[in-house]
C-alpha atoms as a PDB file:
ATOM      1  CA  MET A   1     -10.202  -5.874  -5.963  1.00  0.00           C
ATOM      2  CA  ILE A   2     -11.954  -9.175  -6.456  1.00  0.00           C
ATOM      3  CA  THR A   3     -14.473  -8.117  -3.800  1.00  0.00           C
ATOM      4  CA  GLY A   4     -15.239  -4.813  -5.535  1.00  0.00           C
ATOM      5  CA  THR A   5     -13.701  -2.704  -2.778  1.00  0.00           C
ATOM      6  CA  TYR A   6     -11.505  -0.956  -5.358  1.00  0.00           C
ATOM      7  CA  ASN A   7     -12.076  -0.040  -9.000  1.00  0.00           C
ATOM      8  CA  ALA A   8      -9.140  -0.279 -11.391  1.00  0.00           C
ATOM      9  CA  THR A   9      -8.860   2.861 -13.508  1.00  0.00           C
ATOM     10  CA  TRP A  10      -6.437   3.793 -16.266  1.00  0.00           C
ATOM     11  CA  VAL A  11      -4.966   7.286 -15.923  1.00  0.00           C
ATOM     12  CA  THR A  12      -2.195   9.273 -17.552  1.00  0.00           C
ATOM     13  CA  VAL A  13       0.726  10.132 -15.291  1.00  0.00           C
ATOM     14  CA  VAL A  14       3.349  12.764 -15.977  1.00  0.00           C
ATOM     15  CA  THR A  15       6.962  11.614 -15.752  1.00  0.00           C
ATOM     16  CA  GLU A  16      10.299  13.147 -16.590  1.00  0.00           C
ATOM     17  CA  ASP A  17      10.106  11.190 -19.863  1.00  0.00           C
ATOM     18  CA  GLY A  18       6.639  12.459 -20.667  1.00  0.00           C
ATOM     19  CA  PRO A  19       3.113  11.165 -20.104  1.00  0.00           C
ATOM     20  CA  LEU A  20       2.576   7.435 -19.548  1.00  0.00           C
ATOM     21  CA  PRO A  21      -0.492   5.269 -19.044  1.00  0.00           C
ATOM     22  CA  ALA A  22      -0.789   3.840 -15.533  1.00  0.00           C
ATOM     23  CA  ILE A  23      -3.340   1.810 -13.651  1.00  0.00           C
ATOM     24  CA  THR A  24      -4.582   3.071 -10.309  1.00  0.00           C
ATOM     25  CA  PHE A  25      -7.029   1.646  -7.803  1.00  0.00           C
ATOM     26  CA  LEU A  26      -9.748   3.914  -6.465  1.00  0.00           C
ATOM     27  CA  ALA A  27     -11.867   3.126  -3.431  1.00  0.00           C
ATOM     28  CA  ASN A  28     -15.396   2.146  -4.398  1.00  0.00           C
ATOM     29  CA  ARG A  29     -17.497   4.579  -2.358  1.00  0.00           C
ATOM     30  CA  TYR A  30     -20.601   2.436  -2.922  1.00  0.00           C
ATOM     31  CA  HIS A  31     -19.069  -0.740  -1.453  1.00  0.00           C
ATOM     32  CA  PRO A  32     -20.449  -1.719   1.982  1.00  0.00           C
ATOM     33  CA  HIS A  33     -16.918  -1.717   3.454  1.00  0.00           C
ATOM     34  CA  TYR A  34     -16.267   1.896   2.468  1.00  0.00           C
ATOM     35  CA  LEU A  35     -16.039   4.242   5.470  1.00  0.00           C
ATOM     36  CA  ASP A  36     -16.679   7.858   4.614  1.00  0.00           C
ATOM     37  CA  LYS A  37     -15.634  10.985   6.508  1.00  0.00           C
ATOM     38  CA  GLN A  38     -13.466   9.440   9.204  1.00  0.00           C
ATOM     39  CA  SER A  39     -11.649  11.809  11.558  1.00  0.00           C
ATOM     40  CA  ASP A  40      -7.866  11.515  11.826  1.00  0.00           C
ATOM     41  CA  ASP A  41      -8.333   9.988  15.293  1.00  0.00           C
ATOM     42  CA  GLU A  42     -10.712   7.329  13.924  1.00  0.00           C
ATOM     43  CA  ILE A  43      -8.304   6.492  11.092  1.00  0.00           C
ATOM     44  CA  VAL A  44      -5.421   6.058  13.532  1.00  0.00           C
ATOM     45  CA  LYS A  45      -7.642   3.967  15.843  1.00  0.00           C
ATOM     46  CA  THR A  46      -8.563   1.647  12.942  1.00  0.00           C
ATOM     47  CA  TYR A  47      -4.937   1.290  11.838  1.00  0.00           C
ATOM     48  CA  ASN A  48      -3.820   0.571  15.394  1.00  0.00           C
ATOM     49  CA  SER A  49      -6.573  -2.009  15.943  1.00  0.00           C
ATOM     50  CA  GLY A  50      -4.596  -4.624  14.014  1.00  0.00           C
ATOM     51  CA  ARG A  51      -7.522  -5.389  11.702  1.00  0.00           C
ATOM     52  CA  LEU A  52      -5.483  -4.008   8.809  1.00  0.00           C
ATOM     53  CA  SER A  53      -2.349  -6.000   9.585  1.00  0.00           C
ATOM     54  CA  ARG A  54      -0.225  -5.118   6.562  1.00  0.00           C
ATOM     55  CA  SER A  55      -1.641  -1.604   6.264  1.00  0.00           C
ATOM     56  CA  SER A  56      -0.988  -0.852   9.918  1.00  0.00           C
ATOM     57  CA  THR A  57       2.756  -1.008   9.311  1.00  0.00           C
ATOM     58  CA  GLN A  58       2.417   1.733   6.694  1.00  0.00           C
ATOM     59  CA  LEU A  59       0.907   4.412   8.945  1.00  0.00           C
ATOM     60  CA  PRO A  60       4.162   5.459  10.648  1.00  0.00           C
ATOM     61  CA  LYS A  61       5.877   5.577   7.256  1.00  0.00           C
ATOM     62  CA  THR A  62       3.098   7.756   5.829  1.00  0.00           C
ATOM     63  CA  ILE A  63       3.134  10.165   8.769  1.00  0.00           C
ATOM     64  CA  ASN A  64       6.927  10.518   8.640  1.00  0.00           C
ATOM     65  CA  MET A  65       7.121  11.277   4.922  1.00  0.00           C
END
């Protein structure tokens, strides 16, 4: 976020108790590190490369949801 890779944005989320303000982080599509239109195979290859150390542990959890 300090590097500008993500933009913090306030949104309204719907909960069982009603709407609440929440902050979300959206990818900055104009940042030089943004990769657009990656195939599923390319995404998996990037995750498995180890360059995204903490993120790479999330892929199996995401797929198995």
